[in-house]
Amino acid sequence: MILVALIYLVLITTGEVLTIINPWSGLILHSLILVALLFHGAITRPTASRRFLIVLTLAPLIRILSISLPLRNFPLVFWYLIIGGLLLLAALFALRVSGLGARRIGLAVRSWPAEIGIAFLGILLGLIEYFILYPAPLIPQLTWSNFLLAAFILLVFTGVLEEFIFRGLIQEASLGVMGRGGLIYTAFLFAILHVGYLSISDVLFVFGVGLMFGLIIARTRSLLGVSLAHGLTNVTLYLVYPFLFANLVSAPVSPARPQELLSPPMEVPHFRGRYSTPTPTVIAPLAPPPAPAPPLYDHTGHVFHPIPLSATSLQSLNQIHYCSHTETNDPHCGQGSFLSRSARTPFPP
């Protein structure tokens, strides 16, 4: 089963790379991986291997949801809320189907002082990652109204949710298949899903943090501390440090776009030109009706009312116009016709 797990890891890594190069190709590959994992898990006996295959489906599902949902018209912070909400439902379903108990994956509090101390690691980790990425802020201004909602979303849907999936479900299932190697496997998978920044330094940093969090959970058997640390890392990275150090450091000209593994890799160019987000249709207001034409007056000062002409009258007028403007021997324009030749008024051609 270890070889199978490594093959799936290579496939997921390939899918992430393809998603950066050509998101359509990455989406297709991740979809095929998801189908393969579901089918493989369905034909496997209820063992640790089957449990591992079930929870591993969450990895390609993260990317499928991230790049396929039509969220371009939503503020970026709500991407985490929408994608995270759907992913939470999938994770709870995986928890039930896999048979992993809540206490077994670390949904318990062992020691409040230790958990709080671990949580404050997030402030330091966020500072280190800020100087790796220099990300743009996730909110337009650092105000309480902007900060509180964004901080809650990041804390729950990038901190608690991601730790529940990776250090809770996937790590516990990996340990059952490959022993202590499951810590490295989970940390590597976690780092691979962060390649969207195209920063090797950040991938290595995330791998180290993932490995550290895995060791902490293996020792404390609690997700609380690392979940809060993960959440605080992202809160400070995206909401605090970009404003705090805006005028104190020489950031790159184009800072990295705020991103977590719940958002599409790199800049969200949404299929890099292969998928065009429909431009909102601007409906112009109806133009007012044209003003009525001023009335026409005849030589007596009375209002002139045009009289509709019949087809016969129009034909007669056309013949008058023809005979009065044209030098012709047409017999219809002679004496006795509508306008005699002697009465014609010469007009320039």
Protein backbone atom coordinates (compact mmCIF):
# COMPACT_ATOMS: atom_id res chain seq x y z
CA MET A 1 0.00 0.00 0.00
CA ILE A 2 2.95 2.34 0.54
CA LEU A 3 3.79 2.16 -3.16
CA VAL A 4 0.19 2.94 -4.08
CA ALA A 5 0.20 5.91 -1.70
CA LEU A 6 3.38 7.24 -3.33
CA ILE A 7 1.86 6.86 -6.80
CA TYR A 8 -1.15 8.91 -5.75
CA LEU A 9 1.18 11.51 -4.23
CA VAL A 10 3.08 11.79 -7.53
CA LEU A 11 -0.19 12.11 -9.44
CA ILE A 12 -1.47 14.86 -7.12
CA THR A 13 1.86 16.68 -7.44
CA THR A 14 1.61 16.45 -11.23
CA GLY A 15 -1.92 17.77 -11.06
CA GLU A 16 -0.79 20.80 -9.06
CA VAL A 17 1.97 21.59 -11.53
CA LEU A 18 -0.42 21.21 -14.46
CA THR A 19 -2.92 23.48 -12.75
CA ILE A 20 -0.35 26.28 -12.78
CA ILE A 21 0.62 25.68 -16.42
CA ASN A 22 -2.82 24.89 -17.82
CA PRO A 23 -5.69 24.87 -15.30
CA TRP A 24 -7.95 22.84 -17.57
CA SER A 25 -5.39 20.02 -17.68
CA GLY A 26 -4.91 20.20 -13.93
CA LEU A 27 -8.64 20.12 -13.33
CA ILE A 28 -9.06 17.06 -15.54
CA LEU A 29 -6.19 15.20 -13.86
CA HIS A 30 -7.43 15.99 -10.36
CA SER A 31 -10.90 14.80 -11.37
CA LEU A 32 -9.46 11.52 -12.65
CA ILE A 33 -7.48 11.09 -9.41
CA LEU A 34 -10.65 11.65 -7.40
CA VAL A 35 -12.55 9.05 -9.41
CA ALA A 36 -9.65 6.59 -9.12
CA LEU A 37 -9.50 7.02 -5.33
CA LEU A 38 -13.24 6.55 -4.95
CA PHE A 39 -13.24 3.43 -7.13
CA HIS A 40 -10.11 2.05 -5.45
CA GLY A 41 -11.62 2.63 -2.02
CA ALA A 42 -14.89 1.00 -3.04
CA ILE A 43 -13.23 -2.27 -4.08
CA THR A 44 -10.87 -2.40 -1.07
CA ARG A 45 -11.79 -4.31 2.04
CA PRO A 46 -12.55 -2.28 5.20
CA THR A 47 -8.99 -1.95 6.40
CA ALA A 48 -6.50 0.84 7.08
CA SER A 49 -5.82 0.98 3.34
CA ARG A 50 -9.46 1.68 2.55
CA ARG A 51 -9.56 4.35 5.26
CA PHE A 52 -6.50 6.01 3.73
CA LEU A 53 -7.99 6.03 0.22
CA ILE A 54 -11.22 7.58 1.47
CA VAL A 55 -9.62 10.51 3.28
CA LEU A 56 -7.06 11.08 0.51
CA THR A 57 -9.94 12.01 -1.82
CA LEU A 58 -10.05 15.35 0.00
CA ALA A 59 -6.73 16.42 -1.55
CA PRO A 60 -7.86 16.49 -5.23
CA LEU A 61 -11.29 17.68 -4.13
CA ILE A 62 -9.70 20.81 -2.64
CA ARG A 63 -8.26 21.81 -5.99
CA ILE A 64 -11.35 20.84 -7.97
CA LEU A 65 -13.53 23.08 -5.83
CA SER A 66 -10.97 25.87 -5.87
CA ILE A 67 -10.68 26.24 -9.62
CA SER A 68 -14.15 25.25 -10.78
CA LEU A 69 -16.53 27.31 -8.66
CA PRO A 70 -17.61 30.58 -10.32
CA LEU A 71 -16.41 32.95 -7.60
CA ARG A 72 -14.75 35.68 -9.63
CA ASN A 73 -17.41 38.24 -8.70
CA PHE A 74 -17.08 37.55 -4.96
CA PRO A 75 -14.58 39.27 -2.65
CA LEU A 76 -11.56 37.03 -2.19
CA VAL A 77 -12.16 36.54 1.52
CA PHE A 78 -15.53 34.92 0.78
CA TRP A 79 -13.84 32.33 -1.45
CA TYR A 80 -12.50 30.71 1.70
CA LEU A 81 -15.96 30.73 3.24
CA ILE A 82 -17.76 29.20 0.24
CA ILE A 83 -15.12 26.64 -0.72
CA GLY A 84 -14.39 25.85 2.92
CA GLY A 85 -18.05 25.27 3.70
CA LEU A 86 -18.37 22.69 0.93
CA LEU A 87 -15.08 21.08 1.88
CA LEU A 88 -16.16 20.86 5.52
CA LEU A 89 -19.19 18.81 4.51
CA ALA A 90 -16.95 16.46 2.52
CA ALA A 91 -14.51 16.14 5.43
CA LEU A 92 -17.28 15.30 7.89
CA PHE A 93 -18.58 12.68 5.47
CA ALA A 94 -15.06 11.22 5.12
CA LEU A 95 -14.74 11.13 8.91
CA ARG A 96 -17.95 9.13 9.20
CA VAL A 97 -17.25 6.72 6.33
CA SER A 98 -13.64 6.08 7.33
CA GLY A 99 -14.58 5.14 10.88
CA LEU A 100 -11.99 7.43 12.46
CA GLY A 101 -13.30 8.62 15.80
CA ALA A 102 -13.28 12.25 16.88
CA ARG A 103 -10.85 11.68 19.75
CA ARG A 104 -8.63 9.54 17.56
CA ILE A 105 -7.99 12.41 15.13
CA GLY A 106 -7.40 14.92 17.92
CA LEU A 107 -10.77 16.59 18.46
CA ALA A 108 -10.07 16.97 22.15
CA VAL A 109 -8.38 19.42 24.51
CA ARG A 110 -5.55 17.97 26.59
CA SER A 111 -3.99 21.01 28.26
CA TRP A 112 -5.21 24.58 27.86
CA PRO A 113 -1.90 26.27 28.73
CA ALA A 114 -0.03 24.11 26.21
CA GLU A 115 -2.65 24.70 23.52
CA ILE A 116 -2.53 28.47 23.99
CA GLY A 117 1.27 28.45 23.89
CA ILE A 118 1.22 26.48 20.63
CA ALA A 119 -1.39 28.86 19.21
CA PHE A 120 0.88 31.90 19.67
CA LEU A 121 3.45 30.25 17.41
CA GLY A 122 1.22 31.45 14.58
CA ILE A 123 2.26 35.07 15.12
CA LEU A 124 5.92 34.17 14.57
CA LEU A 125 5.17 31.82 11.66
CA GLY A 126 3.09 34.51 9.96
CA LEU A 127 5.98 36.98 10.29
CA ILE A 128 8.46 34.55 8.73
CA GLU A 129 6.16 33.72 5.84
CA TYR A 130 5.43 37.40 5.27
CA PHE A 131 9.10 38.08 4.58
CA ILE A 132 9.10 35.12 2.18
CA LEU A 133 6.07 36.17 0.14
CA TYR A 134 5.27 39.83 0.85
CA PRO A 135 1.59 39.14 0.12
CA ALA A 136 -0.88 41.87 -0.68
CA PRO A 137 -3.47 42.49 2.06
CA LEU A 138 -6.70 40.60 1.90
CA ILE A 139 -8.76 43.62 2.99
CA PRO A 140 -8.69 47.15 1.56
CA GLN A 141 -8.10 48.88 4.90
CA LEU A 142 -7.18 47.72 8.38
CA THR A 143 -10.37 48.62 10.21
CA TRP A 144 -12.28 46.62 12.78
CA SER A 145 -15.23 46.12 10.48
CA ASN A 146 -12.98 44.69 7.76
CA PHE A 147 -10.67 42.81 10.11
CA LEU A 148 -13.10 40.88 12.31
CA LEU A 149 -15.05 39.13 9.55
CA ALA A 150 -11.94 38.30 7.51
CA ALA A 151 -10.09 37.08 10.62
CA PHE A 152 -12.98 34.79 11.57
CA ILE A 153 -13.14 33.29 8.08
CA LEU A 154 -9.37 32.70 7.92
CA LEU A 155 -9.26 31.27 11.44
CA VAL A 156 -12.05 28.77 10.81
CA PHE A 157 -11.69 27.89 7.13
CA THR A 158 -7.91 27.95 6.72
CA GLY A 159 -6.83 27.17 10.26
CA VAL A 160 -9.29 24.79 11.86
CA LEU A 161 -10.55 23.20 8.62
CA GLU A 162 -7.15 22.52 7.04
CA GLU A 163 -5.74 21.06 10.24
CA PHE A 164 -8.85 18.91 10.61
CA ILE A 165 -8.28 17.55 7.10
CA PHE A 166 -4.50 17.16 7.03
CA ARG A 167 -3.28 16.63 10.57
CA GLY A 168 -6.53 15.02 11.66
CA LEU A 169 -7.87 12.80 8.89
CA ILE A 170 -5.04 12.33 6.38
CA GLN A 171 -2.20 12.10 8.90
CA GLU A 172 -4.03 9.61 11.10
CA ALA A 173 -4.92 7.46 8.09
CA SER A 174 -1.36 7.71 6.74
CA LEU A 175 0.11 6.60 10.06
CA GLY A 176 -2.06 3.50 9.89
CA VAL A 177 -0.65 2.61 6.46
CA MET A 178 3.01 3.66 6.56
CA GLY A 179 3.81 4.20 10.22
CA ARG A 180 5.88 7.25 11.17
CA GLY A 181 6.42 7.89 7.49
CA GLY A 182 2.85 9.14 7.44
CA LEU A 183 4.06 12.37 9.11
CA ILE A 184 6.38 13.11 6.18
CA TYR A 185 3.79 12.00 3.64
CA THR A 186 1.14 14.36 5.05
CA ALA A 187 3.56 17.29 5.36
CA PHE A 188 4.70 16.82 1.76
CA LEU A 189 1.12 16.65 0.49
CA PHE A 190 0.27 19.78 2.46
CA ALA A 191 3.24 21.64 0.98
CA ILE A 192 2.49 20.53 -2.59
CA LEU A 193 -0.95 22.11 -2.38
CA HIS A 194 0.78 25.45 -1.69
CA VAL A 195 2.84 25.61 -4.89
CA GLY A 196 0.58 28.31 -6.30
CA TYR A 197 2.94 31.07 -5.17
CA LEU A 198 5.69 29.58 -7.36
CA SER A 199 8.07 29.98 -4.44
CA ILE A 200 10.36 27.10 -3.53
CA SER A 201 11.20 28.88 -0.28
CA ASP A 202 7.54 28.98 0.70
CA VAL A 203 6.96 25.32 -0.24
CA LEU A 204 9.91 24.32 1.96
CA PHE A 205 8.65 26.56 4.76
CA VAL A 206 5.15 25.07 4.56
CA PHE A 207 6.64 21.56 4.54
CA GLY A 208 8.59 22.36 7.70
CA VAL A 209 5.55 23.86 9.40
CA GLY A 210 3.41 20.90 8.39
CA LEU A 211 5.97 18.48 9.77
CA MET A 212 6.20 20.46 13.03
CA PHE A 213 2.42 20.54 13.40
CA GLY A 214 2.28 16.80 12.72
CA LEU A 215 4.82 16.08 15.45
CA ILE A 216 2.96 18.31 17.91
CA ILE A 217 -0.32 16.49 17.27
CA ALA A 218 1.36 13.10 17.47
CA ARG A 219 2.55 14.11 20.94
CA THR A 220 -0.42 16.08 22.30
CA ARG A 221 -3.22 14.19 20.47
CA SER A 222 -5.07 17.49 20.10
CA LEU A 223 -5.81 19.63 17.03
CA LEU A 224 -6.73 22.76 18.95
CA GLY A 225 -3.30 24.33 19.40
CA VAL A 226 -2.04 23.81 15.84
CA SER A 227 -5.41 24.84 14.39
CA LEU A 228 -5.24 28.17 16.21
CA ALA A 229 -1.57 28.56 15.26
CA HIS A 230 -2.39 27.91 11.60
CA GLY A 231 -5.27 30.38 11.74
CA LEU A 232 -3.16 33.08 13.42
CA THR A 233 -0.44 32.54 10.83
CA ASN A 234 -2.85 33.42 8.04
CA VAL A 235 -4.57 36.22 9.94
CA THR A 236 -1.29 38.02 10.58
CA LEU A 237 0.10 37.16 7.14
CA TYR A 238 -2.85 38.53 5.17
CA LEU A 239 -4.50 41.06 7.47
CA VAL A 240 -1.89 42.57 9.78
CA TYR A 241 1.69 42.46 8.50
CA PRO A 242 0.94 43.88 5.01
CA PHE A 243 -0.26 47.08 6.74
CA LEU A 244 2.21 47.01 9.62
CA PHE A 245 5.27 46.75 7.37
CA ALA A 246 3.87 48.60 4.34
CA ASN A 247 6.32 51.52 4.72
CA LEU A 248 9.11 49.72 6.59
CA VAL A 249 10.26 47.10 4.11
CA SER A 250 11.13 47.04 0.45
CA ALA A 251 8.49 44.70 -0.87
CA PRO A 252 8.49 43.45 -4.47
CA VAL A 253 6.83 45.65 -7.06
CA SER A 254 4.07 43.06 -7.53
CA PRO A 255 3.37 41.40 -4.17
CA ALA A 256 1.92 37.93 -4.13
CA ARG A 257 -1.82 37.68 -4.16
CA PRO A 258 -3.37 36.39 -0.92
CA GLN A 259 -3.87 32.68 -1.34
CA GLU A 260 -4.30 29.53 0.64
CA LEU A 261 -4.81 26.01 -0.59
CA LEU A 262 -8.55 26.70 -0.68
CA SER A 263 -8.06 29.23 -3.51
CA PRO A 264 -6.92 28.54 -7.07
CA PRO A 265 -3.17 28.42 -7.58
CA MET A 266 -1.46 31.63 -8.49
CA GLU A 267 -3.34 34.82 -9.18
CA VAL A 268 -6.55 33.01 -10.03
CA PRO A 269 -6.24 33.88 -13.72
CA HIS A 270 -9.15 31.44 -14.02
CA PHE A 271 -7.84 29.21 -16.73
CA ARG A 272 -5.39 31.84 -17.99
CA GLY A 273 -7.43 33.13 -20.87
CA ARG A 274 -9.02 29.77 -21.71
CA TYR A 275 -11.96 30.58 -19.50
CA SER A 276 -13.43 34.02 -19.79
CA THR A 277 -15.50 35.18 -16.89
CA PRO A 278 -18.64 36.74 -18.31
CA THR A 279 -18.50 40.50 -18.04
CA PRO A 280 -21.53 41.85 -16.21
CA THR A 281 -23.98 43.27 -18.72
CA VAL A 282 -24.54 46.96 -18.22
CA ILE A 283 -28.07 47.88 -19.19
CA ALA A 284 -28.26 51.47 -20.33
CA PRO A 285 -31.27 53.43 -19.13
CA LEU A 286 -34.05 53.82 -21.66
CA ALA A 287 -33.67 56.95 -23.76
CA PRO A 288 -36.51 59.46 -23.41
CA PRO A 289 -38.89 59.58 -26.37
CA PRO A 290 -37.95 62.16 -29.00
CA ALA A 291 -39.58 65.56 -28.67
CA PRO A 292 -42.44 66.14 -31.10
CA ALA A 293 -41.52 68.11 -34.21
CA PRO A 294 -42.64 71.74 -34.20
CA PRO A 295 -45.83 72.35 -36.20
CA LEU A 296 -45.65 73.56 -39.80
CA TYR A 297 -47.59 76.65 -40.89
CA ASP A 298 -48.86 77.55 -44.36
CA HIS A 299 -48.80 81.03 -45.92
CA THR A 300 -52.04 81.96 -44.16
CA GLY A 301 -50.64 81.20 -40.71
CA HIS A 302 -52.70 78.09 -40.18
CA VAL A 303 -51.17 74.86 -39.02
CA PHE A 304 -50.35 72.64 -41.95
CA HIS A 305 -51.40 69.04 -41.50
CA PRO A 306 -49.70 66.62 -43.88
CA ILE A 307 -52.13 64.41 -45.75
CA PRO A 308 -51.08 60.79 -46.39
CA LEU A 309 -50.69 60.12 -50.09
CA SER A 310 -52.02 57.12 -51.90
CA ALA A 311 -49.89 55.04 -54.26
CA THR A 312 -51.48 56.78 -57.27
CA SER A 313 -50.70 60.25 -55.88
CA LEU A 314 -47.07 59.27 -55.21
CA GLN A 315 -46.73 57.98 -58.78
CA SER A 316 -48.09 61.27 -60.12
CA LEU A 317 -45.69 63.32 -58.00
CA ASN A 318 -42.76 61.22 -59.15
CA GLN A 319 -43.73 61.87 -62.77
CA ILE A 320 -44.01 65.62 -62.12
CA HIS A 321 -40.55 65.57 -60.53
CA TYR A 322 -39.16 63.62 -63.50
CA CYS A 323 -40.65 65.92 -66.14
CA SER A 324 -39.68 69.12 -64.34
CA HIS A 325 -36.04 68.16 -63.84
CA THR A 326 -35.26 66.33 -67.04
CA GLU A 327 -34.91 67.47 -70.64
CA THR A 328 -36.66 64.61 -72.40
CA ASN A 329 -38.84 63.83 -75.41
CA ASP A 330 -40.95 61.49 -73.34
CA PRO A 331 -44.51 61.84 -74.72
CA HIS A 332 -45.84 61.69 -71.15
CA CYS A 333 -44.17 65.03 -70.51
CA GLY A 334 -45.69 66.92 -73.49
CA GLN A 335 -48.74 69.12 -73.77
CA GLY A 336 -51.61 67.91 -71.73
CA SER A 337 -49.46 66.04 -69.32
CA PHE A 338 -49.04 66.91 -65.64
CA LEU A 339 -46.57 69.69 -66.44
CA SER A 340 -46.05 71.07 -69.89
CA ARG A 341 -42.59 71.49 -71.31
CA SER A 342 -42.93 75.27 -71.43
CA ALA A 343 -43.87 75.43 -67.76
CA ARG A 344 -40.88 73.36 -66.58
CA THR A 345 -38.45 75.25 -64.39
CA PRO A 346 -34.84 74.47 -65.28
CA PHE A 347 -32.77 73.05 -62.37
CA PRO A 348 -29.08 72.37 -62.36
CA PRO A 349 -28.21 68.72 -62.86
